[in-house]
């Protein structure tokens, strides 16, 4: 049975959402074992859907991507 987690992020502008998604594109191309990631951008909102074969893979994948998003947002604030 596939496990699934969905995250919705709201940004001040659609450009901000796009910049964060683009910063994660190298990670999306580098597949994480047992997991798949999907991103959707709709105006100022970024939706991330994580699907995994088991709960431990789901948790690990979510933690990794959430940290990368937090890092990208921190870097954007400094620039």
Foldseek 3Di string as FASTA:
>chain_A
DKDKDKDKDFAPWLVVLVQLVVQCVVVQVVDDPQKHWDWDGDTRMIMIMMIGPDDVSSVVVVVVSVVSSVVSVVVVVVD
